[in-house]
Amino acid sequence: MAKHGHLEPSDPVHPLVAKADRLSSEWFYEFCAKCGVDYPDEATPEQQDEYNAGLDAIHSRIREEYAAEKAKQGG
C-alpha cells in the first residue's frame, strides 16, 4: 500500500497509448481554439460532429498502427 506522498510504480504505458493521448489532447486544444470555445460541448452540434470525427480518425490511426505492430511481431 502506498504511503502518503509516495507513488508506487505502475505498469508501463504502451507508446501508442501515449501517442493517442497526445494527439487527442492536441486535437482538443486545436478544435477549441478554432471554434472559440473552452470545451467541445460548448460548440454547435455541427462543430461537435467535426470534433468527434477528428477523435475517431485519431483512434482509427492508432488502431491501424497497433495492428501493424502486432503483425510485425507475428502476433
Protein backbone atom coordinates (compact mmCIF):
# COMPACT_ATOMS: atom_id res chain seq x y z
CA MET A 1 0.00 0.00 0.00
CA ALA A 2 1.29 3.45 -0.88
CA LYS A 3 2.30 5.77 1.92
CA HIS A 4 1.03 9.33 1.88
CA GLY A 5 3.12 11.32 -0.57
CA HIS A 6 4.78 8.22 -2.05
CA LEU A 7 4.00 6.99 -5.53
CA GLU A 8 4.06 3.30 -6.28
CA PRO A 9 5.45 2.23 -9.66
CA SER A 10 2.79 1.39 -12.19
CA ASP A 11 2.72 -0.71 -15.31
CA PRO A 12 4.50 0.89 -18.24
CA VAL A 13 2.30 2.75 -20.71
CA HIS A 14 2.36 1.44 -24.29
CA PRO A 15 3.85 4.09 -26.61
CA LEU A 16 0.71 4.04 -28.76
CA VAL A 17 -1.45 4.86 -25.73
CA ALA A 18 0.80 7.83 -25.02
CA LYS A 19 0.62 8.83 -28.68
CA ALA A 20 -3.18 8.59 -28.72
CA ASP A 21 -3.38 10.72 -25.58
CA ARG A 22 -1.03 13.33 -27.05
CA LEU A 23 -2.84 13.50 -30.39
CA SER A 24 -6.25 13.68 -28.69
CA SER A 25 -5.05 16.48 -26.44
CA GLU A 26 -3.59 18.40 -29.37
CA TRP A 27 -6.87 17.99 -31.31
CA PHE A 28 -8.86 19.18 -28.27
CA TYR A 29 -6.86 22.41 -27.99
CA GLU A 30 -6.75 22.98 -31.75
CA PHE A 31 -10.51 22.47 -32.04
CA CYS A 32 -11.36 24.70 -29.09
CA ALA A 33 -9.12 27.49 -30.38
CA LYS A 34 -10.57 27.22 -33.87
CA CYS A 35 -14.17 27.29 -32.61
CA GLY A 36 -13.57 29.84 -29.85
CA VAL A 37 -14.87 27.59 -27.08
CA ASP A 38 -13.43 26.24 -23.84
CA TYR A 39 -14.86 22.74 -24.30
CA PRO A 40 -16.16 20.87 -27.34
CA ASP A 41 -19.61 20.53 -25.78
CA GLU A 42 -19.93 24.32 -25.97
CA ALA A 43 -19.64 24.19 -29.77
CA THR A 44 -22.51 23.90 -32.22
CA PRO A 45 -23.79 20.38 -32.96
CA GLU A 46 -22.09 20.51 -36.38
CA GLN A 47 -18.80 21.51 -34.77
CA GLN A 48 -19.20 18.75 -32.20
CA ASP A 49 -19.61 16.30 -35.07
CA GLU A 50 -16.33 17.60 -36.51
CA TYR A 51 -14.65 17.18 -33.13
CA ASN A 52 -15.90 13.62 -32.77
CA ALA A 53 -14.83 12.80 -36.34
CA GLY A 54 -11.35 14.07 -35.50
CA LEU A 55 -11.17 11.85 -32.42
CA ASP A 56 -12.46 8.88 -34.45
CA ALA A 57 -9.72 9.48 -37.03
CA ILE A 58 -7.06 9.59 -34.31
CA HIS A 59 -8.31 6.36 -32.73
CA SER A 60 -8.56 4.65 -36.11
CA ARG A 61 -4.97 5.64 -36.89
CA ILE A 62 -3.76 4.27 -33.55
CA ARG A 63 -5.66 1.00 -34.09
CA GLU A 64 -4.02 0.65 -37.53
CA GLU A 65 -0.59 1.29 -36.05
CA TYR A 66 -1.25 -1.24 -33.29
CA ALA A 67 -2.40 -3.87 -35.82
CA ALA A 68 0.70 -3.24 -37.92
CA GLU A 69 2.89 -3.55 -34.83
CA LYS A 70 1.24 -6.85 -33.86
CA ALA A 71 1.54 -8.19 -37.42
CA LYS A 72 5.23 -7.25 -37.45
CA GLN A 73 5.71 -9.16 -34.17
CA GLY A 74 3.88 -12.14 -35.58
CA GLY A 75 1.04 -11.91 -33.09
